[in-house]
Amino acid sequence: MTDNQNDVNVQTEQNVKTEENQNWECAFENGRNFAPFVDIYETKDEFVLVANMPGISKENVKLKFEEGSLSIFGKVDFENLLKRKYLLKETEIGNYYRKFKLSDSIDESKIEASYENGQLTVKLPKHERVKPRTINIK
């Protein structure tokens, strides 16, 4: 993954519509969204990205890999959220969106993702050519 400082190039704001039954492309055209909080760590074999998107169901999470970038989308259920009678509301309503530029050290054909308890985990395997290896001395 590439970035100014920590291998991550982040685009944090995009627009969203608040209408129900919209498709994914329309969901991020008008309105407001939020960048999910993300942790990225590295192991010997891969980078692991963990994005926190509370309140989003697995069916409303989408990953898109295109032109070397990984985009994360999380679509909220606006209809149900707007119907609530809030006594205290400290959070804003909006979809989640975040985009990362991946370096060529990632084997994009082996990217895997899972979603559980509001956390999206994306495993980004390293190409064999960039993994550390021990060279035997003869």
N, C-alpha and C. Protein backbone atom coordinates (compact mmCIF):
# COMPACT_ATOMS: atom_id res chain seq x y z
N MET A 1 0.86 -1.16 0.00
CA MET A 1 0.00 0.00 0.00
C MET A 1 0.90 1.22 0.00
N THR A 2 0.49 2.26 -0.69
CA THR A 2 1.34 3.44 -0.76
C THR A 2 0.65 4.63 -0.13
N ASP A 3 1.44 5.54 0.42
CA ASP A 3 0.91 6.75 1.03
C ASP A 3 2.02 7.75 1.21
N ASN A 4 1.56 8.94 1.57
CA ASN A 4 2.51 10.00 1.87
C ASN A 4 3.48 9.51 2.94
N GLN A 5 2.98 8.91 4.01
CA GLN A 5 3.83 8.53 5.12
C GLN A 5 3.68 7.06 5.50
N ASN A 6 2.48 6.52 5.55
CA ASN A 6 2.27 5.18 6.10
C ASN A 6 1.64 4.21 5.12
N ASP A 7 2.04 4.22 3.87
CA ASP A 7 1.52 3.29 2.87
C ASP A 7 0.02 3.40 2.65
N VAL A 8 -0.60 4.53 2.95
CA VAL A 8 -2.04 4.65 2.77
C VAL A 8 -2.36 6.00 2.15
N ASN A 9 -3.09 5.99 1.05
CA ASN A 9 -3.55 7.23 0.43
C ASN A 9 -5.05 7.27 0.65
N VAL A 10 -5.53 8.24 1.43
CA VAL A 10 -6.90 8.24 1.87
C VAL A 10 -7.68 9.40 1.26
N GLN A 11 -8.86 9.08 0.76
CA GLN A 11 -9.79 10.11 0.32
C GLN A 11 -10.98 9.98 1.26
N THR A 12 -11.27 11.03 2.04
CA THR A 12 -12.19 10.85 3.14
C THR A 12 -13.61 11.32 2.91
N GLU A 13 -13.88 12.21 1.97
CA GLU A 13 -15.26 12.67 1.83
C GLU A 13 -15.80 12.42 0.45
N GLN A 14 -17.02 12.05 0.38
CA GLN A 14 -17.76 11.81 -0.83
C GLN A 14 -19.21 12.16 -0.52
N ASN A 15 -20.02 12.36 -1.50
CA ASN A 15 -21.41 12.73 -1.26
C ASN A 15 -22.33 11.52 -1.25
N VAL A 16 -23.46 11.62 -0.53
CA VAL A 16 -24.44 10.53 -0.48
C VAL A 16 -25.86 11.07 -0.53
N LYS A 17 -26.76 10.29 -1.11
CA LYS A 17 -28.18 10.62 -1.10
C LYS A 17 -28.82 9.97 0.11
N THR A 18 -29.93 10.52 0.58
CA THR A 18 -30.61 9.94 1.73
C THR A 18 -31.91 9.25 1.32
N GLU A 19 -32.09 8.99 0.06
CA GLU A 19 -33.31 8.34 -0.39
C GLU A 19 -33.20 6.83 -0.20
N GLU A 20 -34.34 6.19 0.04
CA GLU A 20 -34.34 4.75 0.21
C GLU A 20 -34.29 4.05 -1.14
N ASN A 21 -33.93 2.76 -1.13
CA ASN A 21 -33.88 1.92 -2.32
C ASN A 21 -33.03 2.48 -3.44
N GLN A 22 -31.91 3.06 -3.11
CA GLN A 22 -31.03 3.60 -4.13
C GLN A 22 -29.93 2.60 -4.45
N ASN A 23 -29.37 2.68 -5.66
CA ASN A 23 -28.27 1.78 -5.97
C ASN A 23 -26.98 2.34 -5.39
N TRP A 24 -25.91 1.55 -5.47
CA TRP A 24 -24.66 1.93 -4.82
C TRP A 24 -24.07 3.20 -5.41
N GLU A 25 -24.12 3.34 -6.71
CA GLU A 25 -23.52 4.52 -7.32
C GLU A 25 -24.27 5.79 -6.90
N CYS A 26 -25.58 5.71 -6.85
CA CYS A 26 -26.38 6.87 -6.45
C CYS A 26 -26.19 7.20 -4.96
N ALA A 27 -25.92 6.19 -4.17
CA ALA A 27 -25.81 6.39 -2.72
C ALA A 27 -24.69 7.34 -2.34
N PHE A 28 -23.71 7.51 -3.22
CA PHE A 28 -22.55 8.32 -2.88
C PHE A 28 -22.41 9.56 -3.75
N GLU A 29 -23.52 10.02 -4.37
CA GLU A 29 -23.47 11.20 -5.23
C GLU A 29 -23.85 12.49 -4.52
N ASN A 30 -24.88 12.46 -3.70
CA ASN A 30 -25.36 13.68 -3.05
C ASN A 30 -25.55 13.43 -1.56
N GLY A 31 -25.25 14.41 -0.76
CA GLY A 31 -25.44 14.27 0.68
C GLY A 31 -24.12 14.26 1.42
N ARG A 32 -24.02 13.43 2.43
CA ARG A 32 -22.84 13.41 3.29
C ARG A 32 -22.47 11.99 3.66
N ASN A 33 -21.18 11.76 3.82
CA ASN A 33 -20.73 10.47 4.32
C ASN A 33 -19.53 10.67 5.23
N PHE A 34 -19.09 9.58 5.81
CA PHE A 34 -18.03 9.64 6.80
C PHE A 34 -16.96 8.60 6.47
N ALA A 35 -15.73 8.93 6.79
CA ALA A 35 -14.64 7.96 6.64
C ALA A 35 -14.64 7.07 7.87
N PRO A 36 -14.73 5.76 7.68
CA PRO A 36 -14.68 4.87 8.85
C PRO A 36 -13.28 4.93 9.47
N PHE A 37 -13.21 4.74 10.78
CA PHE A 37 -11.92 4.63 11.44
C PHE A 37 -11.28 3.32 10.99
N VAL A 38 -10.00 3.38 10.65
CA VAL A 38 -9.31 2.22 10.08
C VAL A 38 -8.00 2.00 10.80
N ASP A 39 -7.69 0.74 11.04
CA ASP A 39 -6.37 0.31 11.52
C ASP A 39 -5.77 -0.53 10.41
N ILE A 40 -4.49 -0.33 10.15
CA ILE A 40 -3.77 -1.15 9.17
C ILE A 40 -2.51 -1.65 9.84
N TYR A 41 -2.31 -2.96 9.77
CA TYR A 41 -1.07 -3.51 10.31
C TYR A 41 -0.48 -4.48 9.30
N GLU A 42 0.79 -4.78 9.50
CA GLU A 42 1.54 -5.62 8.58
C GLU A 42 2.04 -6.87 9.28
N THR A 43 1.92 -7.98 8.60
CA THR A 43 2.53 -9.23 9.04
C THR A 43 3.59 -9.60 8.01
N LYS A 44 4.23 -10.71 8.20
CA LYS A 44 5.25 -11.15 7.26
C LYS A 44 4.66 -11.37 5.86
N ASP A 45 3.41 -11.85 5.79
CA ASP A 45 2.82 -12.25 4.52
C ASP A 45 1.77 -11.30 3.94
N GLU A 46 1.29 -10.35 4.75
CA GLU A 46 0.18 -9.53 4.27
C GLU A 46 0.05 -8.23 5.05
N PHE A 47 -0.75 -7.33 4.48
CA PHE A 47 -1.23 -6.16 5.20
C PHE A 47 -2.67 -6.50 5.59
N VAL A 48 -3.09 -6.04 6.75
CA VAL A 48 -4.47 -6.27 7.20
C VAL A 48 -5.09 -4.92 7.50
N LEU A 49 -6.23 -4.66 6.88
CA LEU A 49 -6.97 -3.42 7.07
C LEU A 49 -8.24 -3.75 7.84
N VAL A 50 -8.49 -3.04 8.93
CA VAL A 50 -9.70 -3.25 9.73
C VAL A 50 -10.44 -1.91 9.78
N ALA A 51 -11.64 -1.88 9.19
CA ALA A 51 -12.46 -0.66 9.13
C ALA A 51 -13.67 -0.83 10.05
N ASN A 52 -13.88 0.15 10.91
CA ASN A 52 -15.01 0.12 11.84
C ASN A 52 -16.19 0.87 11.25
N MET A 53 -17.31 0.14 11.07
CA MET A 53 -18.53 0.73 10.50
C MET A 53 -19.73 0.28 11.32
N PRO A 54 -19.87 0.82 12.54
CA PRO A 54 -20.97 0.40 13.40
C PRO A 54 -22.33 0.70 12.77
N GLY A 55 -23.25 -0.22 13.00
CA GLY A 55 -24.61 -0.03 12.52
C GLY A 55 -24.85 -0.43 11.09
N ILE A 56 -23.83 -0.91 10.40
CA ILE A 56 -23.97 -1.32 9.00
C ILE A 56 -24.08 -2.84 8.95
N SER A 57 -25.07 -3.34 8.22
CA SER A 57 -25.21 -4.79 8.06
C SER A 57 -24.25 -5.27 6.97
N LYS A 58 -23.94 -6.55 7.01
CA LYS A 58 -23.01 -7.14 6.04
C LYS A 58 -23.51 -6.93 4.61
N GLU A 59 -24.81 -6.99 4.42
CA GLU A 59 -25.39 -6.82 3.08
C GLU A 59 -25.18 -5.41 2.55
N ASN A 60 -24.93 -4.46 3.42
CA ASN A 60 -24.76 -3.06 3.00
C ASN A 60 -23.31 -2.62 2.98
N VAL A 61 -22.39 -3.58 2.93
CA VAL A 61 -20.97 -3.29 2.81
C VAL A 61 -20.52 -3.74 1.43
N LYS A 62 -19.73 -2.89 0.78
CA LYS A 62 -19.24 -3.23 -0.55
C LYS A 62 -17.78 -2.81 -0.65
N LEU A 63 -16.97 -3.67 -1.24
CA LEU A 63 -15.57 -3.39 -1.56
C LEU A 63 -15.44 -3.35 -3.07
N LYS A 64 -14.65 -2.41 -3.55
CA LYS A 64 -14.43 -2.32 -4.98
C LYS A 64 -12.94 -2.10 -5.23
N PHE A 65 -12.35 -2.96 -6.05
CA PHE A 65 -10.96 -2.79 -6.45
C PHE A 65 -10.96 -2.37 -7.91
N GLU A 66 -10.38 -1.20 -8.18
CA GLU A 66 -10.38 -0.67 -9.53
C GLU A 66 -9.17 0.24 -9.72
N GLU A 67 -8.44 0.01 -10.79
CA GLU A 67 -7.30 0.85 -11.16
C GLU A 67 -6.32 1.06 -10.00
N GLY A 68 -6.03 -0.01 -9.29
CA GLY A 68 -5.05 0.05 -8.22
C GLY A 68 -5.55 0.65 -6.91
N SER A 69 -6.83 0.91 -6.82
CA SER A 69 -7.40 1.48 -5.59
C SER A 69 -8.47 0.56 -5.00
N LEU A 70 -8.52 0.50 -3.69
CA LEU A 70 -9.52 -0.25 -2.97
C LEU A 70 -10.48 0.74 -2.31
N SER A 71 -11.76 0.66 -2.66
CA SER A 71 -12.78 1.53 -2.08
C SER A 71 -13.67 0.73 -1.16
N ILE A 72 -13.99 1.33 -0.01
CA ILE A 72 -14.88 0.72 0.97
C ILE A 72 -16.14 1.55 1.03
N PHE A 73 -17.28 0.90 0.90
CA PHE A 73 -18.58 1.55 0.99
C PHE A 73 -19.39 0.89 2.08
N GLY A 74 -20.08 1.67 2.88
CA GLY A 74 -21.02 1.15 3.87
C GLY A 74 -22.28 2.00 3.81
N LYS A 75 -23.39 1.39 3.44
CA LYS A 75 -24.64 2.12 3.24
C LYS A 75 -25.55 1.94 4.44
N VAL A 76 -25.94 3.04 5.07
CA VAL A 76 -26.82 2.97 6.24
C VAL A 76 -28.26 2.80 5.80
N ASP A 77 -29.09 2.33 6.70
CA ASP A 77 -30.52 2.19 6.45
C ASP A 77 -31.20 3.49 6.88
N PHE A 78 -31.18 4.47 5.98
CA PHE A 78 -31.71 5.80 6.30
C PHE A 78 -33.17 5.75 6.75
N GLU A 79 -33.96 4.93 6.09
CA GLU A 79 -35.39 4.86 6.41
C GLU A 79 -35.62 4.57 7.88
N ASN A 80 -34.97 3.54 8.41
CA ASN A 80 -35.15 3.18 9.81
C ASN A 80 -34.52 4.20 10.76
N LEU A 81 -33.36 4.72 10.41
CA LEU A 81 -32.69 5.69 11.28
C LEU A 81 -33.47 6.99 11.41
N LEU A 82 -34.09 7.42 10.34
CA LEU A 82 -34.83 8.68 10.37
C LEU A 82 -36.19 8.55 11.06
N LYS A 83 -36.70 7.32 11.20
CA LYS A 83 -37.98 7.09 11.86
C LYS A 83 -37.87 7.06 13.38
N ARG A 84 -36.68 6.92 13.90
CA ARG A 84 -36.49 6.81 15.35
C ARG A 84 -36.86 8.11 16.05
N LYS A 85 -37.39 7.94 17.25
CA LYS A 85 -37.68 9.10 18.11
C LYS A 85 -36.52 9.21 19.10
N TYR A 86 -35.55 10.04 18.75
CA TYR A 86 -34.34 10.15 19.55
C TYR A 86 -34.58 10.97 20.82
N LEU A 87 -34.10 10.48 21.94
CA LEU A 87 -34.09 11.23 23.19
C LEU A 87 -32.74 11.93 23.35
N LEU A 88 -31.71 11.30 22.82
CA LEU A 88 -30.37 11.86 22.79
C LEU A 88 -29.72 11.35 21.51
N LYS A 89 -29.19 12.24 20.72
CA LYS A 89 -28.56 11.84 19.46
C LYS A 89 -27.23 12.57 19.32
N GLU A 90 -26.15 11.84 19.53
CA GLU A 90 -24.82 12.43 19.48
C GLU A 90 -24.07 12.06 18.19
N THR A 91 -24.66 11.20 17.38
CA THR A 91 -24.00 10.80 16.14
C THR A 91 -24.74 11.38 14.95
N GLU A 92 -23.99 11.55 13.86
CA GLU A 92 -24.59 12.01 12.62
C GLU A 92 -24.91 10.81 11.75
N ILE A 93 -25.87 10.98 10.86
CA ILE A 93 -26.28 9.90 9.97
C ILE A 93 -25.61 10.11 8.62
N GLY A 94 -24.98 9.07 8.13
CA GLY A 94 -24.35 9.14 6.83
C GLY A 94 -23.74 7.80 6.46
N ASN A 95 -23.52 7.63 5.18
CA ASN A 95 -22.86 6.43 4.69
C ASN A 95 -21.37 6.51 4.98
N TYR A 96 -20.70 5.37 4.86
CA TYR A 96 -19.26 5.31 5.04
C TYR A 96 -18.59 5.17 3.67
N TYR A 97 -17.47 5.85 3.52
CA TYR A 97 -16.70 5.73 2.28
C TYR A 97 -15.24 6.02 2.58
N ARG A 98 -14.37 5.19 2.03
CA ARG A 98 -12.94 5.45 2.16
C ARG A 98 -12.23 4.75 1.01
N LYS A 99 -11.20 5.38 0.50
CA LYS A 99 -10.49 4.85 -0.66
C LYS A 99 -8.99 4.80 -0.35
N PHE A 100 -8.37 3.67 -0.72
CA PHE A 100 -6.95 3.46 -0.48
C PHE A 100 -6.26 3.11 -1.80
N LYS A 101 -5.14 3.73 -2.05
CA LYS A 101 -4.31 3.40 -3.20
C LYS A 101 -3.39 2.27 -2.79
N LEU A 102 -3.45 1.14 -3.52
CA LEU A 102 -2.63 -0.02 -3.19
C LEU A 102 -1.36 -0.01 -4.03
N SER A 103 -0.28 -0.41 -3.41
CA SER A 103 0.98 -0.49 -4.15
C SER A 103 1.01 -1.78 -4.95
N ASP A 104 1.97 -1.89 -5.84
CA ASP A 104 2.08 -3.11 -6.64
C ASP A 104 2.69 -4.27 -5.85
N SER A 105 3.00 -4.06 -4.57
CA SER A 105 3.47 -5.16 -3.74
C SER A 105 2.33 -6.04 -3.24
N ILE A 106 1.08 -5.60 -3.46
CA ILE A 106 -0.11 -6.36 -3.07
C ILE A 106 -0.52 -7.29 -4.21
N ASP A 107 -0.80 -8.53 -3.87
CA ASP A 107 -1.32 -9.48 -4.85
C ASP A 107 -2.84 -9.34 -4.87
N GLU A 108 -3.34 -8.45 -5.72
CA GLU A 108 -4.78 -8.13 -5.71
C GLU A 108 -5.67 -9.31 -6.06
N SER A 109 -5.13 -10.34 -6.70
CA SER A 109 -5.94 -11.52 -7.04
C SER A 109 -6.24 -12.38 -5.81
N LYS A 110 -5.56 -12.12 -4.69
CA LYS A 110 -5.75 -12.92 -3.49
C LYS A 110 -6.35 -12.13 -2.33
N ILE A 111 -6.88 -10.94 -2.59
CA ILE A 111 -7.48 -10.13 -1.53
C ILE A 111 -8.71 -10.86 -0.98
N GLU A 112 -8.83 -10.90 0.35
CA GLU A 112 -9.98 -11.52 1.01
C GLU A 112 -10.57 -10.53 2.00
N ALA A 113 -11.88 -10.64 2.21
CA ALA A 113 -12.54 -9.75 3.15
C ALA A 113 -13.59 -10.50 3.96
N SER A 114 -13.80 -10.04 5.19
CA SER A 114 -14.86 -10.58 6.04
C SER A 114 -15.46 -9.43 6.83
N TYR A 115 -16.67 -9.63 7.30
CA TYR A 115 -17.37 -8.58 8.05
C TYR A 115 -18.08 -9.21 9.23
N GLU A 116 -17.78 -8.71 10.43
CA GLU A 116 -18.41 -9.25 11.64
C GLU A 116 -18.44 -8.17 12.71
N ASN A 117 -19.57 -8.05 13.38
CA ASN A 117 -19.74 -7.11 14.49
C ASN A 117 -19.33 -5.69 14.16
N GLY A 118 -19.69 -5.23 12.96
CA GLY A 118 -19.40 -3.85 12.57
C GLY A 118 -17.97 -3.59 12.14
N GLN A 119 -17.19 -4.64 11.96
CA GLN A 119 -15.80 -4.48 11.53
C GLN A 119 -15.55 -5.24 10.23
N LEU A 120 -15.07 -4.49 9.25
CA LEU A 120 -14.66 -5.07 7.98
C LEU A 120 -13.16 -5.36 8.07
N THR A 121 -12.78 -6.60 7.80
CA THR A 121 -11.38 -6.98 7.81
C THR A 121 -11.00 -7.38 6.39
N VAL A 122 -9.98 -6.70 5.85
CA VAL A 122 -9.52 -6.97 4.49
C VAL A 122 -8.07 -7.43 4.58
N LYS A 123 -7.82 -8.62 4.06
CA LYS A 123 -6.46 -9.16 4.04
C LYS A 123 -5.88 -8.91 2.65
N LEU A 124 -4.74 -8.23 2.65
CA LEU A 124 -4.08 -7.82 1.42
C LEU A 124 -2.73 -8.54 1.32
N PRO A 125 -2.71 -9.73 0.70
CA PRO A 125 -1.48 -10.53 0.66
C PRO A 125 -0.38 -9.84 -0.15
N LYS A 126 0.83 -10.02 0.32
CA LYS A 126 1.99 -9.49 -0.39
C LYS A 126 2.37 -10.46 -1.51
N HIS A 127 2.88 -9.89 -2.62
CA HIS A 127 3.46 -10.74 -3.67
C HIS A 127 4.67 -11.45 -3.10
N GLU A 128 4.92 -12.64 -3.57
CA GLU A 128 6.07 -13.41 -3.12
C GLU A 128 7.37 -12.63 -3.30
N ARG A 129 7.45 -11.84 -4.38
CA ARG A 129 8.68 -11.12 -4.69
C ARG A 129 9.05 -10.05 -3.66
N VAL A 130 8.10 -9.61 -2.84
CA VAL A 130 8.40 -8.57 -1.86
C VAL A 130 8.51 -9.10 -0.43
N LYS A 131 8.21 -10.38 -0.25
CA LYS A 131 8.31 -10.96 1.08
C LYS A 131 9.78 -11.16 1.45
N PRO A 132 10.11 -10.94 2.72
CA PRO A 132 11.49 -11.19 3.13
C PRO A 132 11.82 -12.67 2.99
N ARG A 133 13.05 -12.94 2.63
CA ARG A 133 13.47 -14.34 2.53
C ARG A 133 14.93 -14.45 2.96
N THR A 134 15.25 -15.61 3.43
CA THR A 134 16.61 -15.88 3.86
C THR A 134 17.37 -16.50 2.69
N ILE A 135 18.57 -16.03 2.48
CA ILE A 135 19.41 -16.55 1.40
C ILE A 135 20.53 -17.35 2.03
N ASN A 136 20.65 -18.61 1.62
CA ASN A 136 21.70 -19.48 2.12
C ASN A 136 23.04 -19.09 1.52
N ILE A 137 24.05 -19.07 2.32
CA ILE A 137 25.40 -18.74 1.87
C ILE A 137 26.14 -20.05 1.62
N LYS A 138 26.77 -20.16 0.46
CA LYS A 138 27.47 -21.39 0.09
C LYS A 138 28.94 -21.26 0.37
